[in-house]
Amino acid sequence: MEKDLGKTSINVEPKVAALLAYAAGFVSGIIFFVIEKENRFVRFHAMQSIILFGAMFVLQMSIVYLPFIRLIAPLVTLGSLALWIVCMIKAYQGEMFKLPVIGDLAEKQLDRPA
């Protein structure tokens, strides 16, 4: 039995929109967060994408400029790839999959008054 995720204001299937919010990292997250005004499921995944990949971007840039931690760069890259794939799969499955800490931050941002 498939869960009803409602309609989107952009006329796209909610699961597809949520998946696409992760597709290009924080950039696609920002795009979907701005254009989707109604669907909480899509907005949550878009905000989680913004926070997750924004943090990963900062971490990657830190690694470039801090030579003593360059050794962990491959692990960070593999970790971000794994998170990217998991988040896209869970979004497409229609799950409100919350990453630890980041998912809570994303949810709090949705609950803030505009």
PDB file of N, CA and C in Angstrom:
ATOM      1  N   MET A   1       0.837  -1.185   0.000  1.00  0.00           N
ATOM      2  CA  MET A   1       0.000   0.000   0.000  1.00  0.00           C
ATOM      3  C   MET A   1       0.878   1.243   0.000  1.00  0.00           C
ATOM      4  N   GLU A   2       0.704   2.081  -0.974  1.00  0.00           N
ATOM      5  CA  GLU A   2       1.516   3.272  -1.107  1.00  0.00           C
ATOM      6  C   GLU A   2       0.937   4.433  -0.311  1.00  0.00           C
ATOM      7  N   LYS A   3       1.798   5.108   0.410  1.00  0.00           N
ATOM      8  CA  LYS A   3       1.400   6.235   1.238  1.00  0.00           C
ATOM      9  C   LYS A   3       1.136   7.456   0.360  1.00  0.00           C
ATOM     10  N   ASP A   4       0.047   8.174   0.666  1.00  0.00           N
ATOM     11  CA  ASP A   4      -0.270   9.383  -0.091  1.00  0.00           C
ATOM     12  C   ASP A   4       0.562  10.542   0.448  1.00  0.00           C
ATOM     13  N   LEU A   5       1.402  11.085  -0.388  1.00  0.00           N
ATOM     14  CA  LEU A   5       2.274  12.189   0.011  1.00  0.00           C
ATOM     15  C   LEU A   5       1.701  13.545  -0.388  1.00  0.00           C
ATOM     16  N   GLY A   6       0.483  13.538  -0.883  1.00  0.00           N
ATOM     17  CA  GLY A   6      -0.164  14.784  -1.271  1.00  0.00           C
ATOM     18  C   GLY A   6       0.277  15.253  -2.644  1.00  0.00           C
ATOM     19  N   LYS A   7      -0.107  16.467  -2.941  1.00  0.00           N
ATOM     20  CA  LYS A   7       0.250  17.077  -4.224  1.00  0.00           C
ATOM     21  C   LYS A   7       1.345  18.112  -4.011  1.00  0.00           C
ATOM     22  N   THR A   8       1.991  18.450  -5.091  1.00  0.00           N
ATOM     23  CA  THR A   8       3.000  19.503  -5.030  1.00  0.00           C
ATOM     24  C   THR A   8       2.496  20.714  -5.797  1.00  0.00           C
ATOM     25  N   SER A   9       3.013  21.866  -5.449  1.00  0.00           N
ATOM     26  CA  SER A   9       2.627  23.082  -6.166  1.00  0.00           C
ATOM     27  C   SER A   9       3.328  23.181  -7.514  1.00  0.00           C
ATOM     28  N   ILE A  10       4.309  22.315  -7.752  1.00  0.00           N
ATOM     29  CA  ILE A  10       5.054  22.351  -9.015  1.00  0.00           C
ATOM     30  C   ILE A  10       4.596  21.272  -9.986  1.00  0.00           C
ATOM     31  N   ASN A  11       3.531  20.550  -9.600  1.00  0.00           N
ATOM     32  CA  ASN A  11       2.918  19.556 -10.474  1.00  0.00           C
ATOM     33  C   ASN A  11       3.869  18.408 -10.832  1.00  0.00           C
ATOM     34  N   VAL A  12       4.650  17.966  -9.857  1.00  0.00           N
ATOM     35  CA  VAL A  12       5.570  16.840 -10.019  1.00  0.00           C
ATOM     36  C   VAL A  12       5.243  15.844  -8.902  1.00  0.00           C
ATOM     37  N   GLU A  13       5.361  14.573  -9.195  1.00  0.00           N
ATOM     38  CA  GLU A  13       5.160  13.539  -8.175  1.00  0.00           C
ATOM     39  C   GLU A  13       6.056  13.860  -6.970  1.00  0.00           C
ATOM     40  N   PRO A  14       5.509  13.861  -5.741  1.00  0.00           N
ATOM     41  CA  PRO A  14       6.302  14.224  -4.565  1.00  0.00           C
ATOM     42  C   PRO A  14       7.584  13.408  -4.384  1.00  0.00           C
ATOM     43  N   LYS A  15       7.513  12.094  -4.658  1.00  0.00           N
ATOM     44  CA  LYS A  15       8.707  11.257  -4.501  1.00  0.00           C
ATOM     45  C   LYS A  15       9.795  11.653  -5.497  1.00  0.00           C
ATOM     46  N   VAL A  16       9.396  11.993  -6.702  1.00  0.00           N
ATOM     47  CA  VAL A  16      10.360  12.408  -7.729  1.00  0.00           C
ATOM     48  C   VAL A  16      10.964  13.767  -7.351  1.00  0.00           C
ATOM     49  N   ALA A  17      10.129  14.686  -6.905  1.00  0.00           N
ATOM     50  CA  ALA A  17      10.617  16.010  -6.506  1.00  0.00           C
ATOM     51  C   ALA A  17      11.589  15.896  -5.335  1.00  0.00           C
ATOM     52  N   ALA A  18      11.270  15.031  -4.360  1.00  0.00           N
ATOM     53  CA  ALA A  18      12.152  14.847  -3.203  1.00  0.00           C
ATOM     54  C   ALA A  18      13.486  14.253  -3.636  1.00  0.00           C
ATOM     55  N   LEU A  19      13.451  13.274  -4.533  1.00  0.00           N
ATOM     56  CA  LEU A  19      14.683  12.689  -5.059  1.00  0.00           C
ATOM     57  C   LEU A  19      15.505  13.760  -5.779  1.00  0.00           C
ATOM     58  N   LEU A  20      14.855  14.546  -6.615  1.00  0.00           N
ATOM     59  CA  LEU A  20      15.556  15.585  -7.375  1.00  0.00           C
ATOM     60  C   LEU A  20      16.145  16.675  -6.484  1.00  0.00           C
ATOM     61  N   ALA A  21      15.568  16.858  -5.302  1.00  0.00           N
ATOM     62  CA  ALA A  21      16.113  17.847  -4.362  1.00  0.00           C
ATOM     63  C   ALA A  21      17.530  17.472  -3.933  1.00  0.00           C
ATOM     64  N   TYR A  22      17.867  16.194  -4.023  1.00  0.00           N
ATOM     65  CA  TYR A  22      19.227  15.726  -3.691  1.00  0.00           C
ATOM     66  C   TYR A  22      20.131  15.644  -4.914  1.00  0.00           C
ATOM     67  N   ALA A  23      19.570  15.656  -6.106  1.00  0.00           N
ATOM     68  CA  ALA A  23      20.305  15.341  -7.331  1.00  0.00           C
ATOM     69  C   ALA A  23      21.570  16.166  -7.536  1.00  0.00           C
ATOM     70  N   ALA A  24      21.522  17.448  -7.304  1.00  0.00           N
ATOM     71  CA  ALA A  24      22.696  18.308  -7.511  1.00  0.00           C
ATOM     72  C   ALA A  24      23.147  18.939  -6.198  1.00  0.00           C
ATOM     73  N   GLY A  25      23.023  18.180  -5.127  1.00  0.00           N
ATOM     74  CA  GLY A  25      23.477  18.666  -3.831  1.00  0.00           C
ATOM     75  C   GLY A  25      22.658  19.831  -3.325  1.00  0.00           C
ATOM     76  N   PHE A  26      23.331  20.752  -2.642  1.00  0.00           N
ATOM     77  CA  PHE A  26      22.600  21.866  -2.032  1.00  0.00           C
ATOM     78  C   PHE A  26      21.969  22.797  -3.055  1.00  0.00           C
ATOM     79  N   VAL A  27      22.477  22.811  -4.281  1.00  0.00           N
ATOM     80  CA  VAL A  27      21.910  23.676  -5.328  1.00  0.00           C
ATOM     81  C   VAL A  27      20.486  23.232  -5.675  1.00  0.00           C
ATOM     82  N   SER A  28      20.306  21.939  -5.939  1.00  0.00           N
ATOM     83  CA  SER A  28      18.956  21.455  -6.247  1.00  0.00           C
ATOM     84  C   SER A  28      18.066  21.534  -5.011  1.00  0.00           C
ATOM     85  N   GLY A  29      18.651  21.377  -3.825  1.00  0.00           N
ATOM     86  CA  GLY A  29      17.882  21.537  -2.596  1.00  0.00           C
ATOM     87  C   GLY A  29      17.317  22.939  -2.481  1.00  0.00           C
ATOM     88  N   ILE A  30      18.140  23.943  -2.769  1.00  0.00           N
ATOM     89  CA  ILE A  30      17.682  25.337  -2.727  1.00  0.00           C
ATOM     90  C   ILE A  30      16.585  25.573  -3.752  1.00  0.00           C
ATOM     91  N   ILE A  31      16.791  25.059  -4.954  1.00  0.00           N
ATOM     92  CA  ILE A  31      15.794  25.258  -6.020  1.00  0.00           C
ATOM     93  C   ILE A  31      14.446  24.677  -5.599  1.00  0.00           C
ATOM     94  N   PHE A  32      14.442  23.434  -5.127  1.00  0.00           N
ATOM     95  CA  PHE A  32      13.175  22.809  -4.749  1.00  0.00           C
ATOM     96  C   PHE A  32      12.581  23.440  -3.498  1.00  0.00           C
ATOM     97  N   PHE A  33      13.406  23.900  -2.582  1.00  0.00           N
ATOM     98  CA  PHE A  33      12.872  24.552  -1.384  1.00  0.00           C
ATOM     99  C   PHE A  33      12.186  25.866  -1.746  1.00  0.00           C
ATOM    100  N   VAL A  34      12.741  26.568  -2.710  1.00  0.00           N
ATOM    101  CA  VAL A  34      12.169  27.857  -3.125  1.00  0.00           C
ATOM    102  C   VAL A  34      10.910  27.677  -3.970  1.00  0.00           C
ATOM    103  N   ILE A  35      10.925  26.724  -4.903  1.00  0.00           N
ATOM    104  CA  ILE A  35       9.778  26.619  -5.814  1.00  0.00           C
ATOM    105  C   ILE A  35       8.615  25.810  -5.250  1.00  0.00           C
ATOM    106  N   GLU A  36       8.891  24.875  -4.334  1.00  0.00           N
ATOM    107  CA  GLU A  36       7.793  24.086  -3.741  1.00  0.00           C
ATOM    108  C   GLU A  36       7.275  24.805  -2.496  1.00  0.00           C
ATOM    109  N   LYS A  37       6.034  25.220  -2.543  1.00  0.00           N
ATOM    110  CA  LYS A  37       5.468  26.024  -1.464  1.00  0.00           C
ATOM    111  C   LYS A  37       4.559  25.235  -0.529  1.00  0.00           C
ATOM    112  N   GLU A  38       4.037  24.079  -0.964  1.00  0.00           N
ATOM    113  CA  GLU A  38       2.990  23.402  -0.206  1.00  0.00           C
ATOM    114  C   GLU A  38       3.392  22.063   0.412  1.00  0.00           C
ATOM    115  N   ASN A  39       4.099  21.237  -0.301  1.00  0.00           N
ATOM    116  CA  ASN A  39       4.316  19.862   0.113  1.00  0.00           C
ATOM    117  C   ASN A  39       5.443  19.759   1.145  1.00  0.00           C
ATOM    118  N   ARG A  40       5.072  19.397   2.367  1.00  0.00           N
ATOM    119  CA  ARG A  40       6.037  19.314   3.475  1.00  0.00           C
ATOM    120  C   ARG A  40       7.088  18.228   3.226  1.00  0.00           C
ATOM    121  N   PHE A  41       6.694  17.120   2.620  1.00  0.00           N
ATOM    122  CA  PHE A  41       7.618  16.025   2.325  1.00  0.00           C
ATOM    123  C   PHE A  41       8.747  16.508   1.412  1.00  0.00           C
ATOM    124  N   VAL A  42       8.388  17.187   0.341  1.00  0.00           N
ATOM    125  CA  VAL A  42       9.384  17.703  -0.610  1.00  0.00           C
ATOM    126  C   VAL A  42      10.230  18.791   0.053  1.00  0.00           C
ATOM    127  N   ARG A  43       9.595  19.681   0.782  1.00  0.00           N
ATOM    128  CA  ARG A  43      10.331  20.773   1.448  1.00  0.00           C
ATOM    129  C   ARG A  43      11.307  20.237   2.497  1.00  0.00           C
ATOM    130  N   PHE A  44      10.895  19.182   3.213  1.00  0.00           N
ATOM    131  CA  PHE A  44      11.799  18.578   4.199  1.00  0.00           C
ATOM    132  C   PHE A  44      13.045  18.021   3.515  1.00  0.00           C
ATOM    133  N   HIS A  45      12.849  17.244   2.447  1.00  0.00           N
ATOM    134  CA  HIS A  45      14.004  16.658   1.759  1.00  0.00           C
ATOM    135  C   HIS A  45      14.868  17.741   1.115  1.00  0.00           C
ATOM    136  N   ALA A  46      14.254  18.794   0.619  1.00  0.00           N
ATOM    137  CA  ALA A  46      15.027  19.896   0.047  1.00  0.00           C
ATOM    138  C   ALA A  46      15.876  20.570   1.125  1.00  0.00           C
ATOM    139  N   MET A  47      15.293  20.825   2.297  1.00  0.00           N
ATOM    140  CA  MET A  47      16.047  21.457   3.381  1.00  0.00           C
ATOM    141  C   MET A  47      17.136  20.526   3.905  1.00  0.00           C
ATOM    142  N   GLN A  48      16.838  19.248   4.019  1.00  0.00           N
ATOM    143  CA  GLN A  48      17.860  18.302   4.462  1.00  0.00           C
ATOM    144  C   GLN A  48      19.016  18.262   3.461  1.00  0.00           C
ATOM    145  N   SER A  49      18.709  18.343   2.179  1.00  0.00           N
ATOM    146  CA  SER A  49      19.736  18.383   1.142  1.00  0.00           C
ATOM    147  C   SER A  49      20.609  19.634   1.278  1.00  0.00           C
ATOM    148  N   ILE A  50      19.971  20.774   1.515  1.00  0.00           N
ATOM    149  CA  ILE A  50      20.714  22.030   1.670  1.00  0.00           C
ATOM    150  C   ILE A  50      21.696  21.933   2.832  1.00  0.00           C
ATOM    151  N   ILE A  51      21.211  21.461   3.978  1.00  0.00           N
ATOM    152  CA  ILE A  51      22.053  21.393   5.170  1.00  0.00           C
ATOM    153  C   ILE A  51      23.148  20.339   5.006  1.00  0.00           C
ATOM    154  N   LEU A  52      22.776  19.151   4.542  1.00  0.00           N
ATOM    155  CA  LEU A  52      23.742  18.064   4.387  1.00  0.00           C
ATOM    156  C   LEU A  52      24.855  18.432   3.421  1.00  0.00           C
ATOM    157  N   PHE A  53      24.483  18.850   2.227  1.00  0.00           N
ATOM    158  CA  PHE A  53      25.507  19.093   1.218  1.00  0.00           C
ATOM    159  C   PHE A  53      26.202  20.438   1.396  1.00  0.00           C
ATOM    160  N   GLY A  54      25.563  21.359   2.086  1.00  0.00           N
ATOM    161  CA  GLY A  54      26.252  22.588   2.481  1.00  0.00           C
ATOM    162  C   GLY A  54      27.369  22.256   3.458  1.00  0.00           C
ATOM    163  N   ALA A  55      27.070  21.403   4.436  1.00  0.00           N
ATOM    164  CA  ALA A  55      28.081  20.984   5.409  1.00  0.00           C
ATOM    165  C   ALA A  55      29.189  20.168   4.743  1.00  0.00           C
ATOM    166  N   MET A  56      28.809  19.288   3.818  1.00  0.00           N
ATOM    167  CA  MET A  56      29.818  18.493   3.114  1.00  0.00           C
ATOM    168  C   MET A  56      30.723  19.383   2.253  1.00  0.00           C
ATOM    169  N   PHE A  57      30.140  20.412   1.648  1.00  0.00           N
ATOM    170  CA  PHE A  57      30.926  21.352   0.844  1.00  0.00           C
ATOM    171  C   PHE A  57      31.957  22.063   1.717  1.00  0.00           C
ATOM    172  N   VAL A  58      31.524  22.534   2.874  1.00  0.00           N
ATOM    173  CA  VAL A  58      32.440  23.214   3.803  1.00  0.00           C
ATOM    174  C   VAL A  58      33.532  22.244   4.261  1.00  0.00           C
ATOM    175  N   LEU A  59      33.152  21.011   4.568  1.00  0.00           N
ATOM    176  CA  LEU A  59      34.132  20.011   4.988  1.00  0.00           C
ATOM    177  C   LEU A  59      35.145  19.727   3.879  1.00  0.00           C
ATOM    178  N   GLN A  60      34.669  19.574   2.651  1.00  0.00           N
ATOM    179  CA  GLN A  60      35.569  19.315   1.520  1.00  0.00           C
ATOM    180  C   GLN A  60      36.541  20.486   1.318  1.00  0.00           C
ATOM    181  N   MET A  61      36.038  21.712   1.426  1.00  0.00           N
ATOM    182  CA  MET A  61      36.904  22.881   1.269  1.00  0.00           C
ATOM    183  C   MET A  61      37.917  22.957   2.403  1.00  0.00           C
ATOM    184  N   SER A  62      37.519  22.583   3.601  1.00  0.00           N
ATOM    185  CA  SER A  62      38.437  22.577   4.740  1.00  0.00           C
ATOM    186  C   SER A  62      39.564  21.583   4.510  1.00  0.00           C
ATOM    187  N   ILE A  63      39.225  20.442   3.964  1.00  0.00           N
ATOM    188  CA  ILE A  63      40.230  19.410   3.708  1.00  0.00           C
ATOM    189  C   ILE A  63      41.257  19.905   2.695  1.00  0.00           C
ATOM    190  N   VAL A  64      40.810  20.636   1.695  1.00  0.00           N
ATOM    191  CA  VAL A  64      41.722  21.151   0.666  1.00  0.00           C
ATOM    192  C   VAL A  64      42.757  22.101   1.283  1.00  0.00           C
ATOM    193  N   TYR A  65      42.318  22.921   2.228  1.00  0.00           N
ATOM    194  CA  TYR A  65      43.199  23.942   2.788  1.00  0.00           C
ATOM    195  C   TYR A  65      43.907  23.528   4.073  1.00  0.00           C
ATOM    196  N   LEU A  66      43.595  22.371   4.602  1.00  0.00           N
ATOM    197  CA  LEU A  66      44.260  21.892   5.806  1.00  0.00           C
ATOM    198  C   LEU A  66      44.998  20.591   5.481  1.00  0.00           C
ATOM    199  N   PRO A  67      46.288  20.720   5.134  1.00  0.00           N
ATOM    200  CA  PRO A  67      47.037  19.567   4.635  1.00  0.00           C
ATOM    201  C   PRO A  67      47.115  18.388   5.602  1.00  0.00           C
ATOM    202  N   PHE A  68      47.074  18.633   6.907  1.00  0.00           N
ATOM    203  CA  PHE A  68      47.217  17.538   7.863  1.00  0.00           C
ATOM    204  C   PHE A  68      45.992  16.627   7.924  1.00  0.00           C
ATOM    205  N   ILE A  69      44.874  17.052   7.347  1.00  0.00           N
ATOM    206  CA  ILE A  69      43.705  16.161   7.338  1.00  0.00           C
ATOM    207  C   ILE A  69      43.349  15.687   5.923  1.00  0.00           C
ATOM    208  N   ARG A  70      44.228  15.927   4.971  1.00  0.00           N
ATOM    209  CA  ARG A  70      43.978  15.469   3.597  1.00  0.00           C
ATOM    210  C   ARG A  70      43.858  13.957   3.495  1.00  0.00           C
ATOM    211  N   LEU A  71      44.420  13.258   4.448  1.00  0.00           N
ATOM    212  CA  LEU A  71      44.367  11.797   4.427  1.00  0.00           C
ATOM    213  C   LEU A  71      42.943  11.270   4.533  1.00  0.00           C
ATOM    214  N   ILE A  72      42.049  12.049   5.119  1.00  0.00           N
ATOM    215  CA  ILE A  72      40.665  11.579   5.260  1.00  0.00           C
ATOM    216  C   ILE A  72      39.781  11.974   4.078  1.00  0.00           C
ATOM    217  N   ALA A  73      40.343  12.698   3.118  1.00  0.00           N
ATOM    218  CA  ALA A  73      39.560  13.152   1.965  1.00  0.00           C
ATOM    219  C   ALA A  73      38.839  12.006   1.244  1.00  0.00           C
ATOM    220  N   PRO A  74      39.506  10.878   0.977  1.00  0.00           N
ATOM    221  CA  PRO A  74      38.785   9.782   0.311  1.00  0.00           C
ATOM    222  C   PRO A  74      37.615   9.252   1.143  1.00  0.00           C
ATOM    223  N   LEU A  75      37.783   9.203   2.453  1.00  0.00           N
ATOM    224  CA  LEU A  75      36.698   8.739   3.321  1.00  0.00           C
ATOM    225  C   LEU A  75      35.519   9.702   3.307  1.00  0.00           C
ATOM    226  N   VAL A  76      35.806  10.987   3.308  1.00  0.00           N
ATOM    227  CA  VAL A  76      34.741  11.996   3.255  1.00  0.00           C
ATOM    228  C   VAL A  76      34.006  11.902   1.924  1.00  0.00           C
ATOM    229  N   THR A  77      34.755  11.727   0.852  1.00  0.00           N
ATOM    230  CA  THR A  77      34.143  11.597  -0.473  1.00  0.00           C
ATOM    231  C   THR A  77      33.249  10.362  -0.557  1.00  0.00           C
ATOM    232  N   LEU A  78      33.738   9.233  -0.081  1.00  0.00           N
ATOM    233  CA  LEU A  78      32.933   8.008  -0.084  1.00  0.00           C
ATOM    234  C   LEU A  78      31.710   8.147   0.823  1.00  0.00           C
ATOM    235  N   GLY A  79      31.889   8.780   1.976  1.00  0.00           N
ATOM    236  CA  GLY A  79      30.781   8.993   2.899  1.00  0.00           C
ATOM    237  C   GLY A  79      29.702   9.877   2.303  1.00  0.00           C
ATOM    238  N   SER A  80      30.112  10.945   1.638  1.00  0.00           N
ATOM    239  CA  SER A  80      29.117  11.842   1.041  1.00  0.00           C
ATOM    240  C   SER A  80      28.415  11.160  -0.140  1.00  0.00           C
ATOM    241  N   LEU A  81      29.132  10.345  -0.893  1.00  0.00           N
ATOM    242  CA  LEU A  81      28.512   9.591  -1.984  1.00  0.00           C
ATOM    243  C   LEU A  81      27.462   8.615  -1.436  1.00  0.00           C
ATOM    244  N   ALA A  82      27.833   7.914  -0.358  1.00  0.00           N
ATOM    245  CA  ALA A  82      26.902   6.961   0.253  1.00  0.00           C
ATOM    246  C   ALA A  82      25.664   7.677   0.790  1.00  0.00           C
ATOM    247  N   LEU A  83      25.851   8.795   1.474  1.00  0.00           N
ATOM    248  CA  LEU A  83      24.713   9.568   1.991  1.00  0.00           C
ATOM    249  C   LEU A  83      23.823  10.068   0.855  1.00  0.00           C
ATOM    250  N   TRP A  84      24.435  10.520  -0.205  1.00  0.00           N
ATOM    251  CA  TRP A  84      23.698  11.024  -1.369  1.00  0.00           C
ATOM    252  C   TRP A  84      22.792   9.931  -1.935  1.00  0.00           C
ATOM    253  N   ILE A  85      23.356   8.743  -2.127  1.00  0.00           N
ATOM    254  CA  ILE A  85      22.595   7.622  -2.680  1.00  0.00           C
ATOM    255  C   ILE A  85      21.476   7.197  -1.734  1.00  0.00           C
ATOM    256  N   VAL A  86      21.788   7.036  -0.454  1.00  0.00           N
ATOM    257  CA  VAL A  86      20.786   6.613   0.529  1.00  0.00           C
ATOM    258  C   VAL A  86      19.643   7.616   0.592  1.00  0.00           C
ATOM    259  N   CYS A  87      19.971   8.898   0.642  1.00  0.00           N
ATOM    260  CA  CYS A  87      18.928   9.928   0.727  1.00  0.00           C
ATOM    261  C   CYS A  87      18.031   9.923  -0.507  1.00  0.00           C
ATOM    262  N   MET A  88      18.612   9.761  -1.684  1.00  0.00           N
ATOM    263  CA  MET A  88      17.799   9.722  -2.897  1.00  0.00           C
ATOM    264  C   MET A  88      16.891   8.494  -2.917  1.00  0.00           C
ATOM    265  N   ILE A  89      17.418   7.351  -2.522  1.00  0.00           N
ATOM    266  CA  ILE A  89      16.605   6.120  -2.498  1.00  0.00           C
ATOM    267  C   ILE A  89      15.458   6.264  -1.501  1.00  0.00           C
ATOM    268  N   LYS A  90      15.756   6.728  -0.301  1.00  0.00           N
ATOM    269  CA  LYS A  90      14.725   6.868   0.727  1.00  0.00           C
ATOM    270  C   LYS A  90      13.660   7.878   0.306  1.00  0.00           C
ATOM    271  N   ALA A  91      14.074   8.973  -0.316  1.00  0.00           N
ATOM    272  CA  ALA A  91      13.112   9.976  -0.785  1.00  0.00           C
ATOM    273  C   ALA A  91      12.203   9.369  -1.850  1.00  0.00           C
ATOM    274  N   TYR A  92      12.781   8.616  -2.770  1.00  0.00           N
ATOM    275  CA  TYR A  92      11.981   8.015  -3.834  1.00  0.00           C
ATOM    276  C   TYR A  92      11.053   6.917  -3.307  1.00  0.00           C
ATOM    277  N   GLN A  93      11.420   6.309  -2.197  1.00  0.00           N
ATOM    278  CA  GLN A  93      10.558   5.302  -1.568  1.00  0.00           C
ATOM    279  C   GLN A  93       9.430   5.950  -0.758  1.00  0.00           C
ATOM    280  N   GLY A  94       9.459   7.272  -0.672  1.00  0.00           N
ATOM    281  CA  GLY A  94       8.407   7.985   0.044  1.00  0.00           C
ATOM    282  C   GLY A  94       8.620   8.049   1.541  1.00  0.00           C
ATOM    283  N   GLU A  95       9.839   7.812   1.987  1.00  0.00           N
ATOM    284  CA  GLU A  95      10.143   7.839   3.419  1.00  0.00           C
ATOM    285  C   GLU A  95      10.576   9.231   3.865  1.00  0.00           C
ATOM    286  N   MET A  96      10.121   9.599   5.039  1.00  0.00           N
ATOM    287  CA  MET A  96      10.563  10.841   5.667  1.00  0.00           C
ATOM    288  C   MET A  96      11.839  10.494   6.441  1.00  0.00           C
ATOM    289  N   PHE A  97      12.868  10.105   5.705  1.00  0.00           N
ATOM    290  CA  PHE A  97      14.129   9.632   6.263  1.00  0.00           C
ATOM    291  C   PHE A  97      14.910  10.804   6.830  1.00  0.00           C
ATOM    292  N   LYS A  98      15.130  10.773   8.150  1.00  0.00           N
ATOM    293  CA  LYS A  98      15.841  11.858   8.817  1.00  0.00           C
ATOM    294  C   LYS A  98      17.244  11.413   9.196  1.00  0.00           C
ATOM    295  N   LEU A  99      18.218  12.138   8.700  1.00  0.00           N
ATOM    296  CA  LEU A  99      19.590  11.903   9.124  1.00  0.00           C
ATOM    297  C   LEU A  99      19.737  12.415  10.559  1.00  0.00           C
ATOM    298  N   PRO A 100      20.601  11.788  11.360  1.00  0.00           N
ATOM    299  CA  PRO A 100      20.810  12.295  12.720  1.00  0.00           C
ATOM    300  C   PRO A 100      21.271  13.759  12.679  1.00  0.00           C
ATOM    301  N   VAL A 101      20.801  14.551  13.552  1.00  0.00           N
ATOM    302  CA  VAL A 101      21.093  15.974  13.718  1.00  0.00           C
ATOM    303  C   VAL A 101      20.602  16.789  12.521  1.00  0.00           C
ATOM    304  N   ILE A 102      21.044  16.459  11.327  1.00  0.00           N
ATOM    305  CA  ILE A 102      20.678  17.213  10.125  1.00  0.00           C
ATOM    306  C   ILE A 102      19.179  17.147   9.872  1.00  0.00           C
ATOM    307  N   GLY A 103      18.587  15.975  10.037  1.00  0.00           N
ATOM    308  CA  GLY A 103      17.147  15.822   9.846  1.00  0.00           C
ATOM    309  C   GLY A 103      16.351  16.661  10.840  1.00  0.00           C
ATOM    310  N   ASP A 104      16.825  16.705  12.084  1.00  0.00           N
ATOM    311  CA  ASP A 104      16.158  17.533  13.098  1.00  0.00           C
ATOM    312  C   ASP A 104      16.275  19.018  12.763  1.00  0.00           C
ATOM    313  N   LEU A 105      17.448  19.429  12.297  1.00  0.00           N
ATOM    314  CA  LEU A 105      17.634  20.828  11.886  1.00  0.00           C
ATOM    315  C   LEU A 105      16.715  21.187  10.725  1.00  0.00           C
ATOM    316  N   ALA A 106      16.615  20.285   9.768  1.00  0.00           N
ATOM    317  CA  ALA A 106      15.751  20.517   8.607  1.00  0.00           C
ATOM    318  C   ALA A 106      14.297  20.658   9.044  1.00  0.00           C
ATOM    319  N   GLU A 107      13.867  19.788   9.947  1.00  0.00           N
ATOM    320  CA  GLU A 107      12.492  19.845  10.426  1.00  0.00           C
ATOM    321  C   GLU A 107      12.211  21.135  11.188  1.00  0.00           C
ATOM    322  N   LYS A 108      13.167  21.584  11.990  1.00  0.00           N
ATOM    323  CA  LYS A 108      13.003  22.843  12.730  1.00  0.00           C
ATOM    324  C   LYS A 108      12.884  24.027  11.776  1.00  0.00           C
ATOM    325  N   GLN A 109      13.638  23.987  10.682  1.00  0.00           N
ATOM    326  CA  GLN A 109      13.565  25.068   9.699  1.00  0.00           C
ATOM    327  C   GLN A 109      12.189  25.118   9.037  1.00  0.00           C
ATOM    328  N   LEU A 110      11.586  23.966   8.830  1.00  0.00           N
ATOM    329  CA  LEU A 110      10.256  23.926   8.224  1.00  0.00           C
ATOM    330  C   LEU A 110       9.200  24.494   9.160  1.00  0.00           C
ATOM    331  N   ASP A 111       9.415  24.310  10.467  1.00  0.00           N
ATOM    332  CA  ASP A 111       8.435  24.758  11.456  1.00  0.00           C
ATOM    333  C   ASP A 111       8.561  26.235  11.802  1.00  0.00           C
ATOM    334  N   ARG A 112       9.621  26.879  11.341  1.00  0.00           N
ATOM    335  CA  ARG A 112       9.796  28.316  11.598  1.00  0.00           C
ATOM    336  C   ARG A 112       8.793  29.113  10.779  1.00  0.00           C
ATOM    337  N   PRO A 113       8.245  30.176  11.368  1.00  0.00           N
ATOM    338  CA  PRO A 113       7.345  31.024  10.577  1.00  0.00           C
ATOM    339  C   PRO A 113       8.107  31.749   9.473  1.00  0.00           C
ATOM    340  N   ALA A 114       7.459  31.923   8.348  1.00  0.00           N
ATOM    341  CA  ALA A 114       8.104  32.545   7.183  1.00  0.00           C
ATOM    342  C   ALA A 114       8.405  34.005   7.375  1.00  0.00           C
TER     343      ALA A 114
END
